Structures are given as structure tokens and as C-alpha cells.
């Protein structure tokens, strides 16, 4: 049961990491549209 739970949590972790990466890319894209000097 514990091994099955670990595998489930690993899948959730991978999904979370994918979401974080996607949101970071979106934030970087939004930041890139603004002139850093301004």
C-alpha cells in the first residue's frame, strides 16, 4: 500500500512540477513584454 501511495505521490509531484514550469514560462513571457528599463 505504501509503495502504491509513493507512486501516486510521485505522479502528483510530476504534475505539479509541470504546472510550475508552465506558470514560470508564462510569467517570464509576461515579463519579457515589458521594457526592463521602464
ModelCIF file with pLDDT and N, C-alpha, C, O atoms, coordinates in Angstrom:
data_MODEL
#
_entry.id   MODEL 
#
_entity.id                         1 
_entity.type                       polymer 
_entity.pdbx_number_of_molecules   1 
#
_entity_poly.entity_id                      1 
_entity_poly.type                           'polypeptide(L)' 
_entity_poly.nstd_linkage                   no 
_entity_poly.nstd_monomer                   no 
_entity_poly.pdbx_seq_one_letter_code       
;(UNK)(UNK)(UNK)(UNK)(UNK)(UNK)(UNK)(UNK)(UNK)(UNK)(UNK)(UNK)(UNK)(UNK)(UNK)(UNK)
(UNK)(UNK)(UNK)(UNK)(UNK)(UNK)(UNK)(UNK)(UNK)(UNK)(UNK)(UNK)(UNK)(UNK)(UNK)(UNK)
(UNK)(UNK)(UNK)(UNK)(UNK)(UNK)
;
_entity_poly.pdbx_seq_one_letter_code_can   XXXXXXXXXXXXXXXXXXXXXXXXXXXXXXXXXXXXXX 
_entity_poly.pdbx_strand_id                 A 
#
loop_
_entity_poly_seq.entity_id 
_entity_poly_seq.num 
_entity_poly_seq.mon_id 
_entity_poly_seq.hetero 
1 1  UNK n 
1 2  UNK n 
1 3  UNK n 
1 4  UNK n 
1 5  UNK n 
1 6  UNK n 
1 7  UNK n 
1 8  UNK n 
1 9  UNK n 
1 10 UNK n 
1 11 UNK n 
1 12 UNK n 
1 13 UNK n 
1 14 UNK n 
1 15 UNK n 
1 16 UNK n 
1 17 UNK n 
1 18 UNK n 
1 19 UNK n 
1 20 UNK n 
1 21 UNK n 
1 22 UNK n 
1 23 UNK n 
1 24 UNK n 
1 25 UNK n 
1 26 UNK n 
1 27 UNK n 
1 28 UNK n 
1 29 UNK n 
1 30 UNK n 
1 31 UNK n 
1 32 UNK n 
1 33 UNK n 
1 34 UNK n 
1 35 UNK n 
1 36 UNK n 
1 37 UNK n 
1 38 UNK n 
#
_struct_asym.id          A 
_struct_asym.entity_id   1 
#
loop_
_ma_qa_metric.id 
_ma_qa_metric.mode 
_ma_qa_metric.name 
_ma_qa_metric.software_group_id 
_ma_qa_metric.type 
1 global pLDDT . pLDDT 
2 local  pLDDT . pLDDT 
#
_ma_qa_metric_global.metric_id      1 
_ma_qa_metric_global.metric_value   61.39 
_ma_qa_metric_global.model_id       1 
_ma_qa_metric_global.ordinal_id     1 
#
loop_
_ma_qa_metric_local.label_asym_id 
_ma_qa_metric_local.label_comp_id 
_ma_qa_metric_local.label_seq_id 
_ma_qa_metric_local.metric_id 
_ma_qa_metric_local.metric_value 
_ma_qa_metric_local.model_id 
_ma_qa_metric_local.ordinal_id 
A UNK 1  2 74.00 1 1  
A UNK 2  2 70.00 1 2  
A UNK 3  2 71.00 1 3  
A UNK 4  2 70.00 1 4  
A UNK 5  2 70.00 1 5  
A UNK 6  2 66.00 1 6  
A UNK 7  2 69.00 1 7  
A UNK 8  2 70.00 1 8  
A UNK 9  2 67.00 1 9  
A UNK 10 2 66.00 1 10 
A UNK 11 2 69.00 1 11 
A UNK 12 2 67.00 1 12 
A UNK 13 2 65.00 1 13 
A UNK 14 2 65.00 1 14 
A UNK 15 2 67.00 1 15 
A UNK 16 2 66.00 1 16 
A UNK 17 2 63.00 1 17 
A UNK 18 2 66.00 1 18 
A UNK 19 2 65.00 1 19 
A UNK 20 2 60.00 1 20 
A UNK 21 2 63.00 1 21 
A UNK 22 2 66.00 1 22 
A UNK 23 2 60.00 1 23 
A UNK 24 2 57.00 1 24 
A UNK 25 2 62.00 1 25 
A UNK 26 2 61.00 1 26 
A UNK 27 2 53.00 1 27 
A UNK 28 2 56.00 1 28 
A UNK 29 2 60.00 1 29 
A UNK 30 2 54.00 1 30 
A UNK 31 2 52.00 1 31 
A UNK 32 2 50.00 1 32 
A UNK 33 2 49.00 1 33 
A UNK 34 2 48.00 1 34 
A UNK 35 2 48.00 1 35 
A UNK 36 2 45.00 1 36 
A UNK 37 2 49.00 1 37 
A UNK 38 2 54.00 1 38 
#
loop_
_atom_site.group_PDB 
_atom_site.id 
_atom_site.type_symbol 
_atom_site.label_atom_id 
_atom_site.label_alt_id 
_atom_site.label_comp_id 
_atom_site.label_asym_id 
_atom_site.label_entity_id 
_atom_site.label_seq_id 
_atom_site.pdbx_PDB_ins_code 
_atom_site.Cartn_x 
_atom_site.Cartn_y 
_atom_site.Cartn_z 
_atom_site.occupancy 
_atom_site.B_iso_or_equiv 
_atom_site.pdbx_formal_charge 
_atom_site.auth_seq_id 
_atom_site.auth_comp_id 
_atom_site.auth_asym_id 
_atom_site.auth_atom_id 
_atom_site.pdbx_PDB_model_num 
ATOM 1   N N  . UNK A 1 1  ? 0.836  -1.211 0.000   1.00 74.00 ? 1  UNK A N  1 
ATOM 2   C CA . UNK A 1 1  ? 0.000  0.000  0.000   1.00 74.00 ? 1  UNK A CA 1 
ATOM 3   C C  . UNK A 1 1  ? 0.867  1.256  0.000   1.00 74.00 ? 1  UNK A C  1 
ATOM 4   O O  . UNK A 1 1  ? 0.581  2.224  -0.703  1.00 74.00 ? 1  UNK A O  1 
ATOM 5   N N  . UNK A 1 2  ? 1.933  1.221  0.802   1.00 70.00 ? 2  UNK A N  1 
ATOM 6   C CA . UNK A 1 2  ? 2.819  2.381  0.870   1.00 70.00 ? 2  UNK A CA 1 
ATOM 7   C C  . UNK A 1 2  ? 3.519  2.623  -0.471  1.00 70.00 ? 2  UNK A C  1 
ATOM 8   O O  . UNK A 1 2  ? 3.678  3.768  -0.895  1.00 70.00 ? 2  UNK A O  1 
ATOM 9   N N  . UNK A 1 3  ? 3.938  1.534  -1.137  1.00 71.00 ? 3  UNK A N  1 
ATOM 10  C CA . UNK A 1 3  ? 4.576  1.686  -2.442  1.00 71.00 ? 3  UNK A CA 1 
ATOM 11  C C  . UNK A 1 3  ? 3.613  2.280  -3.463  1.00 71.00 ? 3  UNK A C  1 
ATOM 12  O O  . UNK A 1 3  ? 3.991  3.123  -4.275  1.00 71.00 ? 3  UNK A O  1 
ATOM 13  N N  . UNK A 1 4  ? 2.359  1.827  -3.408  1.00 70.00 ? 4  UNK A N  1 
ATOM 14  C CA . UNK A 1 4  ? 1.354  2.377  -4.320  1.00 70.00 ? 4  UNK A CA 1 
ATOM 15  C C  . UNK A 1 4  ? 1.121  3.858  -4.028  1.00 70.00 ? 4  UNK A C  1 
ATOM 16  O O  . UNK A 1 4  ? 0.952  4.659  -4.948  1.00 70.00 ? 4  UNK A O  1 
ATOM 17  N N  . UNK A 1 5  ? 1.114  4.219  -2.739  1.00 70.00 ? 5  UNK A N  1 
ATOM 18  C CA . UNK A 1 5  ? 0.919  5.619  -2.362  1.00 70.00 ? 5  UNK A CA 1 
ATOM 19  C C  . UNK A 1 5  ? 2.106  6.479  -2.806  1.00 70.00 ? 5  UNK A C  1 
ATOM 20  O O  . UNK A 1 5  ? 1.931  7.609  -3.262  1.00 70.00 ? 5  UNK A O  1 
ATOM 21  N N  . UNK A 1 6  ? 3.317  5.924  -2.666  1.00 66.00 ? 6  UNK A N  1 
ATOM 22  C CA . UNK A 1 6  ? 4.506  6.645  -3.111  1.00 66.00 ? 6  UNK A CA 1 
ATOM 23  C C  . UNK A 1 6  ? 4.438  6.913  -4.612  1.00 66.00 ? 6  UNK A C  1 
ATOM 24  O O  . UNK A 1 6  ? 4.749  8.014  -5.066  1.00 66.00 ? 6  UNK A O  1 
ATOM 25  N N  . UNK A 1 7  ? 4.033  5.907  -5.373  1.00 69.00 ? 7  UNK A N  1 
ATOM 26  C CA . UNK A 1 7  ? 3.924  6.079  -6.815  1.00 69.00 ? 7  UNK A CA 1 
ATOM 27  C C  . UNK A 1 7  ? 2.874  7.125  -7.164  1.00 69.00 ? 7  UNK A C  1 
ATOM 28  O O  . UNK A 1 7  ? 3.066  7.930  -8.076  1.00 69.00 ? 7  UNK A O  1 
ATOM 29  N N  . UNK A 1 8  ? 1.757  7.108  -6.429  1.00 70.00 ? 8  UNK A N  1 
ATOM 30  C CA . UNK A 1 8  ? 0.718  8.103  -6.651  1.00 70.00 ? 8  UNK A CA 1 
ATOM 31  C C  . UNK A 1 8  ? 1.238  9.512  -6.369  1.00 70.00 ? 8  UNK A C  1 
ATOM 32  O O  . UNK A 1 8  ? 0.980  10.440 -7.135  1.00 70.00 ? 8  UNK A O  1 
ATOM 33  N N  . UNK A 1 9  ? 1.970  9.666  -5.267  1.00 67.00 ? 9  UNK A N  1 
ATOM 34  C CA . UNK A 1 9  ? 2.514  10.976 -4.914  1.00 67.00 ? 9  UNK A CA 1 
ATOM 35  C C  . UNK A 1 9  ? 3.571  11.430 -5.917  1.00 67.00 ? 9  UNK A C  1 
ATOM 36  O O  . UNK A 1 9  ? 3.691  12.622 -6.202  1.00 67.00 ? 9  UNK A O  1 
ATOM 37  N N  . UNK A 1 10 ? 4.337  10.477 -6.452  1.00 66.00 ? 10 UNK A N  1 
ATOM 38  C CA . UNK A 1 10 ? 5.322  10.843 -7.460  1.00 66.00 ? 10 UNK A CA 1 
ATOM 39  C C  . UNK A 1 10 ? 4.647  11.392 -8.715  1.00 66.00 ? 10 UNK A C  1 
ATOM 40  O O  . UNK A 1 10 ? 5.120  12.361 -9.308  1.00 66.00 ? 10 UNK A O  1 
ATOM 41  N N  . UNK A 1 11 ? 3.548  10.770 -9.113  1.00 69.00 ? 11 UNK A N  1 
ATOM 42  C CA . UNK A 1 11 ? 2.807  11.262 -10.274 1.00 69.00 ? 11 UNK A CA 1 
ATOM 43  C C  . UNK A 1 11 ? 2.263  12.659 -10.005 1.00 69.00 ? 11 UNK A C  1 
ATOM 44  O O  . UNK A 1 11 ? 2.316  13.533 -10.871 1.00 69.00 ? 11 UNK A O  1 
ATOM 45  N N  . UNK A 1 12 ? 1.733  12.865 -8.786  1.00 67.00 ? 12 UNK A N  1 
ATOM 46  C CA . UNK A 1 12 ? 1.239  14.196 -8.431  1.00 67.00 ? 12 UNK A CA 1 
ATOM 47  C C  . UNK A 1 12 ? 2.370  15.219 -8.428  1.00 67.00 ? 12 UNK A C  1 
ATOM 48  O O  . UNK A 1 12 ? 2.200  16.357 -8.865  1.00 67.00 ? 12 UNK A O  1 
ATOM 49  N N  . UNK A 1 13 ? 3.536  14.786 -7.923  1.00 65.00 ? 13 UNK A N  1 
ATOM 50  C CA . UNK A 1 13 ? 4.679  15.688 -7.912  1.00 65.00 ? 13 UNK A CA 1 
ATOM 51  C C  . UNK A 1 13 ? 5.076  16.087 -9.324  1.00 65.00 ? 13 UNK A C  1 
ATOM 52  O O  . UNK A 1 13 ? 5.336  17.259 -9.594  1.00 65.00 ? 13 UNK A O  1 
ATOM 53  N N  . UNK A 1 14 ? 5.122  15.097 -10.236 1.00 65.00 ? 14 UNK A N  1 
ATOM 54  C CA . UNK A 1 14 ? 5.495  15.402 -11.616 1.00 65.00 ? 14 UNK A CA 1 
ATOM 55  C C  . UNK A 1 14 ? 4.490  16.350 -12.260 1.00 65.00 ? 14 UNK A C  1 
ATOM 56  O O  . UNK A 1 14 ? 4.870  17.245 -13.014 1.00 65.00 ? 14 UNK A O  1 
ATOM 57  N N  . UNK A 1 15 ? 3.206  16.151 -11.961 1.00 67.00 ? 15 UNK A N  1 
ATOM 58  C CA . UNK A 1 15 ? 2.183  17.050 -12.499 1.00 67.00 ? 15 UNK A CA 1 
ATOM 59  C C  . UNK A 1 15 ? 2.368  18.466 -11.950 1.00 67.00 ? 15 UNK A C  1 
ATOM 60  O O  . UNK A 1 15 ? 2.230  19.450 -12.676 1.00 67.00 ? 15 UNK A O  1 
ATOM 61  N N  . UNK A 1 16 ? 2.687  18.549 -10.641 1.00 66.00 ? 16 UNK A N  1 
ATOM 62  C CA . UNK A 1 16 ? 2.901  19.863 -10.026 1.00 66.00 ? 16 UNK A CA 1 
ATOM 63  C C  . UNK A 1 16 ? 4.113  20.563 -10.635 1.00 66.00 ? 16 UNK A C  1 
ATOM 64  O O  . UNK A 1 16 ? 4.084  21.766 -10.895 1.00 66.00 ? 16 UNK A O  1 
ATOM 65  N N  . UNK A 1 17 ? 5.164  19.804 -10.855 1.00 63.00 ? 17 UNK A N  1 
ATOM 66  C CA . UNK A 1 17 ? 6.349  20.403 -11.449 1.00 63.00 ? 17 UNK A CA 1 
ATOM 67  C C  . UNK A 1 17 ? 6.058  20.923 -12.849 1.00 63.00 ? 17 UNK A C  1 
ATOM 68  O O  . UNK A 1 17 ? 6.533  21.990 -13.237 1.00 63.00 ? 17 UNK A O  1 
ATOM 69  N N  . UNK A 1 18 ? 5.270  20.157 -13.605 1.00 66.00 ? 18 UNK A N  1 
ATOM 70  C CA . UNK A 1 18 ? 4.906  20.597 -14.952 1.00 66.00 ? 18 UNK A CA 1 
ATOM 71  C C  . UNK A 1 18 ? 4.094  21.889 -14.900 1.00 66.00 ? 18 UNK A C  1 
ATOM 72  O O  . UNK A 1 18 ? 4.279  22.784 -15.725 1.00 66.00 ? 18 UNK A O  1 
ATOM 73  N N  . UNK A 1 19 ? 3.180  21.978 -13.907 1.00 65.00 ? 19 UNK A N  1 
ATOM 74  C CA . UNK A 1 19 ? 2.377  23.196 -13.764 1.00 65.00 ? 19 UNK A CA 1 
ATOM 75  C C  . UNK A 1 19 ? 3.256  24.386 -13.390 1.00 65.00 ? 19 UNK A C  1 
ATOM 76  O O  . UNK A 1 19 ? 3.084  25.487 -13.911 1.00 65.00 ? 19 UNK A O  1 
ATOM 77  N N  . UNK A 1 20 ? 4.204  24.149 -12.476 1.00 60.00 ? 20 UNK A N  1 
ATOM 78  C CA . UNK A 1 20 ? 5.105  25.229 -12.065 1.00 60.00 ? 20 UNK A CA 1 
ATOM 79  C C  . UNK A 1 20 ? 5.929  25.711 -13.250 1.00 60.00 ? 20 UNK A C  1 
ATOM 80  O O  . UNK A 1 20 ? 6.070  26.913 -13.473 1.00 60.00 ? 20 UNK A O  1 
ATOM 81  N N  . UNK A 1 21 ? 6.477  24.756 -14.013 1.00 63.00 ? 21 UNK A N  1 
ATOM 82  C CA . UNK A 1 21 ? 7.286  25.134 -15.176 1.00 63.00 ? 21 UNK A CA 1 
ATOM 83  C C  . UNK A 1 21 ? 6.466  25.948 -16.165 1.00 63.00 ? 21 UNK A C  1 
ATOM 84  O O  . UNK A 1 21 ? 6.949  26.938 -16.713 1.00 63.00 ? 21 UNK A O  1 
ATOM 85  N N  . UNK A 1 22 ? 5.217  25.527 -16.395 1.00 66.00 ? 22 UNK A N  1 
ATOM 86  C CA . UNK A 1 22 ? 4.358  26.244 -17.331 1.00 66.00 ? 22 UNK A CA 1 
ATOM 87  C C  . UNK A 1 22 ? 4.054  27.649 -16.835 1.00 66.00 ? 22 UNK A C  1 
ATOM 88  O O  . UNK A 1 22 ? 4.095  28.608 -17.606 1.00 66.00 ? 22 UNK A O  1 
ATOM 89  N N  . UNK A 1 23 ? 3.747  27.773 -15.536 1.00 60.00 ? 23 UNK A N  1 
ATOM 90  C CA . UNK A 1 23 ? 3.433  29.095 -14.989 1.00 60.00 ? 23 UNK A CA 1 
ATOM 91  C C  . UNK A 1 23 ? 4.654  30.003 -14.991 1.00 60.00 ? 23 UNK A C  1 
ATOM 92  O O  . UNK A 1 23 ? 4.539  31.205 -15.227 1.00 60.00 ? 23 UNK A O  1 
ATOM 93  N N  . UNK A 1 24 ? 5.844  29.416 -14.724 1.00 57.00 ? 24 UNK A N  1 
ATOM 94  C CA . UNK A 1 24 ? 7.050  30.231 -14.766 1.00 57.00 ? 24 UNK A CA 1 
ATOM 95  C C  . UNK A 1 24 ? 7.319  30.747 -16.172 1.00 57.00 ? 24 UNK A C  1 
ATOM 96  O O  . UNK A 1 24 ? 7.733  31.892 -16.352 1.00 57.00 ? 24 UNK A O  1 
ATOM 97  N N  . UNK A 1 25 ? 7.081  29.891 -17.176 1.00 62.00 ? 25 UNK A N  1 
ATOM 98  C CA . UNK A 1 25 ? 7.281  30.328 -18.554 1.00 62.00 ? 25 UNK A CA 1 
ATOM 99  C C  . UNK A 1 25 ? 6.290  31.434 -18.920 1.00 62.00 ? 25 UNK A C  1 
ATOM 100 O O  . UNK A 1 25 ? 6.638  32.383 -19.623 1.00 62.00 ? 25 UNK A O  1 
ATOM 101 N N  . UNK A 1 26 ? 5.054  31.302 -18.438 1.00 61.00 ? 26 UNK A N  1 
ATOM 102 C CA . UNK A 1 26 ? 4.059  32.339 -18.708 1.00 61.00 ? 26 UNK A CA 1 
ATOM 103 C C  . UNK A 1 26 ? 4.455  33.660 -18.045 1.00 61.00 ? 26 UNK A C  1 
ATOM 104 O O  . UNK A 1 26 ? 4.317  34.734 -18.630 1.00 61.00 ? 26 UNK A O  1 
ATOM 105 N N  . UNK A 1 27 ? 4.957  33.552 -16.795 1.00 53.00 ? 27 UNK A N  1 
ATOM 106 C CA . UNK A 1 27 ? 5.390  34.762 -16.092 1.00 53.00 ? 27 UNK A CA 1 
ATOM 107 C C  . UNK A 1 27 ? 6.590  35.402 -16.776 1.00 53.00 ? 27 UNK A C  1 
ATOM 108 O O  . UNK A 1 27 ? 6.674  36.626 -16.876 1.00 53.00 ? 27 UNK A O  1 
ATOM 109 N N  . UNK A 1 28 ? 7.523  34.571 -17.247 1.00 56.00 ? 28 UNK A N  1 
ATOM 110 C CA . UNK A 1 28 ? 8.675  35.112 -17.959 1.00 56.00 ? 28 UNK A CA 1 
ATOM 111 C C  . UNK A 1 28 ? 8.249  35.787 -19.257 1.00 56.00 ? 28 UNK A C  1 
ATOM 112 O O  . UNK A 1 28 ? 8.804  36.814 -19.648 1.00 56.00 ? 28 UNK A O  1 
ATOM 113 N N  . UNK A 1 29 ? 7.245  35.191 -19.927 1.00 60.00 ? 29 UNK A N  1 
ATOM 114 C CA . UNK A 1 29 ? 6.750  35.768 -21.164 1.00 60.00 ? 29 UNK A CA 1 
ATOM 115 C C  . UNK A 1 29 ? 6.096  37.111 -20.908 1.00 60.00 ? 29 UNK A C  1 
ATOM 116 O O  . UNK A 1 29 ? 6.280  38.060 -21.671 1.00 60.00 ? 29 UNK A O  1 
ATOM 117 N N  . UNK A 1 30 ? 5.318  37.187 -19.813 1.00 54.00 ? 30 UNK A N  1 
ATOM 118 C CA . UNK A 1 30 ? 4.688  38.453 -19.462 1.00 54.00 ? 30 UNK A CA 1 
ATOM 119 C C  . UNK A 1 30 ? 5.731  39.499 -19.111 1.00 54.00 ? 30 UNK A C  1 
ATOM 120 O O  . UNK A 1 30 ? 5.595  40.668 -19.470 1.00 54.00 ? 30 UNK A O  1 
ATOM 121 N N  . UNK A 1 31 ? 6.807  39.062 -18.385 1.00 52.00 ? 31 UNK A N  1 
ATOM 122 C CA . UNK A 1 31 ? 7.855  39.998 -18.031 1.00 52.00 ? 31 UNK A CA 1 
ATOM 123 C C  . UNK A 1 31 ? 8.630  40.473 -19.243 1.00 52.00 ? 31 UNK A C  1 
ATOM 124 O O  . UNK A 1 31 ? 9.122  41.601 -19.270 1.00 52.00 ? 31 UNK A O  1 
ATOM 125 N N  . UNK A 1 32 ? 8.743  39.596 -20.266 1.00 50.00 ? 32 UNK A N  1 
ATOM 126 C CA . UNK A 1 32 ? 9.502  39.955 -21.450 1.00 50.00 ? 32 UNK A CA 1 
ATOM 127 C C  . UNK A 1 32 ? 8.801  41.017 -22.279 1.00 50.00 ? 32 UNK A C  1 
ATOM 128 O O  . UNK A 1 32 ? 9.450  41.727 -23.048 1.00 50.00 ? 32 UNK A O  1 
ATOM 129 N N  . UNK A 1 33 ? 7.481  41.140 -22.137 1.00 49.00 ? 33 UNK A N  1 
ATOM 130 C CA . UNK A 1 33 ? 6.734  42.133 -22.913 1.00 49.00 ? 33 UNK A CA 1 
ATOM 131 C C  . UNK A 1 33 ? 6.924  43.535 -22.363 1.00 49.00 ? 33 UNK A C  1 
ATOM 132 O O  . UNK A 1 33 ? 6.553  44.517 -23.006 1.00 49.00 ? 33 UNK A O  1 
ATOM 133 N N  . UNK A 1 34 ? 7.502  43.626 -21.173 1.00 48.00 ? 34 UNK A N  1 
ATOM 134 C CA . UNK A 1 34 ? 7.725  44.930 -20.558 1.00 48.00 ? 34 UNK A CA 1 
ATOM 135 C C  . UNK A 1 34 ? 9.190  45.317 -20.691 1.00 48.00 ? 34 UNK A C  1 
ATOM 136 O O  . UNK A 1 34 ? 10.080 44.511 -20.423 1.00 48.00 ? 34 UNK A O  1 
ATOM 137 N N  . UNK A 1 35 ? 9.433  46.546 -21.102 1.00 48.00 ? 35 UNK A N  1 
ATOM 138 C CA . UNK A 1 35 ? 10.804 47.038 -21.220 1.00 48.00 ? 35 UNK A CA 1 
ATOM 139 C C  . UNK A 1 35 ? 11.423 47.123 -19.837 1.00 48.00 ? 35 UNK A C  1 
ATOM 140 O O  . UNK A 1 35 ? 10.936 47.880 -18.997 1.00 48.00 ? 35 UNK A O  1 
ATOM 141 N N  . UNK A 1 36 ? 12.495 46.359 -19.572 1.00 45.00 ? 36 UNK A N  1 
ATOM 142 C CA . UNK A 1 36 ? 13.104 46.375 -18.233 1.00 45.00 ? 36 UNK A CA 1 
ATOM 143 C C  . UNK A 1 36 ? 13.495 47.768 -17.785 1.00 45.00 ? 36 UNK A C  1 
ATOM 144 O O  . UNK A 1 36 ? 13.450 48.079 -16.595 1.00 45.00 ? 36 UNK A O  1 
ATOM 145 N N  . UNK A 1 37 ? 13.888 48.627 -18.755 1.00 49.00 ? 37 UNK A N  1 
ATOM 146 C CA . UNK A 1 37 ? 14.297 49.971 -18.379 1.00 49.00 ? 37 UNK A CA 1 
ATOM 147 C C  . UNK A 1 37 ? 13.125 50.804 -17.875 1.00 49.00 ? 37 UNK A C  1 
ATOM 148 O O  . UNK A 1 37 ? 13.304 51.747 -17.104 1.00 49.00 ? 37 UNK A O  1 
ATOM 149 N N  . UNK A 1 38 ? 11.896 50.435 -18.332 1.00 54.00 ? 38 UNK A N  1 
ATOM 150 C CA . UNK A 1 38 ? 10.710 51.179 -17.932 1.00 54.00 ? 38 UNK A CA 1 
ATOM 151 C C  . UNK A 1 38 ? 9.979  50.544 -16.757 1.00 54.00 ? 38 UNK A C  1 
ATOM 152 O O  . UNK A 1 38 ? 8.957  51.065 -16.311 1.00 54.00 ? 38 UNK A O  1 
#
